[in-house]
Amino acid sequence: MLVFHVDANSAYLSWTAAALLEDGYDVDLRTIPSAIAGDPNNRHGIILTKSIPAKKYGIMTGESLMEARKKCPGLIVHPPDYDLYLDCSEAMYSILYEYTPQIQRYSVDENFCDMSRCPEAVRDPVGVANEIKERIKHELGFTVNIGIGNNKLCAKMAGELKKPDMIHTLWPEEIEDKLWPLPVRELFMVGRATEKKLKKFGINTIGDLAKAQPEFLKGFLHSHGILVHQYANGIDNTEVTVNDEVMQKGLGNGLTYAYDLQTAEEIAKELLALCERVGARLRRKKCAAGLVTVHLRSSDLRGYSHQLKLPGHIGTTDEIFETAKALASEMWRGEPIRAMSVSVSEFCREDEVQLSMFDKTGREKNERLDHTVDNIRKIFGERSIFRGTFANLDISPIQGGVNDGNYLMMGGFKT
């Protein structure tokens, strides 16, 4: 098997930077101290990713924005835009699909490609990888690393060797020189807890792990010990599992407000604004949902949620909103609300939804209306058309955009 692992470099930052440049922004965020983080005014000030210049100040992913700004007062910060990121992911996938249909979308910024049936790649894997890398750079405006190996593990580890904008190979004969000298923590599937246990026994490098006795590792790591021992030796028999979309179990939208929501009317209108984005994202996936969940957080930071498993599947904004509103009404007891989210899951395809004889006419009308509104917003901007409910109000008709729910984002880990 010939596998490419294609990984967008600093995906959130790169994709935001590329979009801003396209819109006329005069500075490339990748060249200055910058970061993608939640809005600190809405209490979401966590660094999600940072530029290389920001890294030089000691800024780390996961730290608070307040701490990052102490290190670099001039740090430029932009909020995440997951709709944009999914667009960029789709664009990268489209280029890869021109070379092979055997693609596993591991996360929003990573793809495994089985290139075994691509004759050009078999003859010259580095040459084809370079062609893909340069096309993504020039056509989409961001860089990728491409790792090449005879299985998924070796391809992924190759792509991590040096960044950004690089191509690396990790063939069986290269494992001892390229992989074994690395710290054991850098091996895929070795986390902090596993690293700590390994180091107690003097296993500090991937080479140390590769040379350890499997049964010894199994004694304190159980079956995971066998897995990481195989990985340390470049052994991985898993196939490239084809999937045509980012791995996703659910999607949602939430917001922490700069003020407390005090009335049922305020909560309902803010819920509707959240549901507008949830519905649009669901239709974009061409899916309907069988489960709706609402989470509320009070001003004293107590959080609670209710969910409803539906007898069928829903996909229109009105259906999502009415369900979410009922759930919120069930659990709200009059306390001030500071944060709220709506999520949907248990998907099926739009064309698989079973229609009831009692709701067919109204549902089809609402579906057509939603798709028309979606198309208008796509062409003219998401606030080019909105419900009359929001006329003359300070509430934005489409809220949220930061918390995009339960799917695999950067690095193949759930957000």
Foldseek 3Di string as FASTA:
>chain_A
DKKKKKFFDQLQLQLVQLVCVVVPDPDRQQVAWEFEWADVLLVTFFGQTTHPNLVVLVDDHGDGNVVSCVSPVPYHYDYGFVVSLQVLLLVLVVLVVVQPLLWAQLASGIIMGDNVVRVVCVVPVVVVVLVSQVCCCVVVPTGIFMAIEPDDQQRVLQSPQDDDRYYGYDYLVCLVPRAFVAFLCSRPPCHPVNSVVCVVVVRTTLVSLLPDDQVVQCVPVNVVSNVSNCSSSVDDDDDSHRDDHFFDFKWKFKGFASDWDQDLVSVLQVLLQRLLVRLLVCVVVQKWFQKKKKKWAAPVGDIDMDMDGHPWTGRFSVVQSVRRSVRCVVPDDRGTTGMMMMMTGPIDGNVPTDDDPVCVVVRVVRVVVSVVLSVCCVVPNNQPDADPVCPPHPDDSHDGRRGTDFGGHRPSDTD
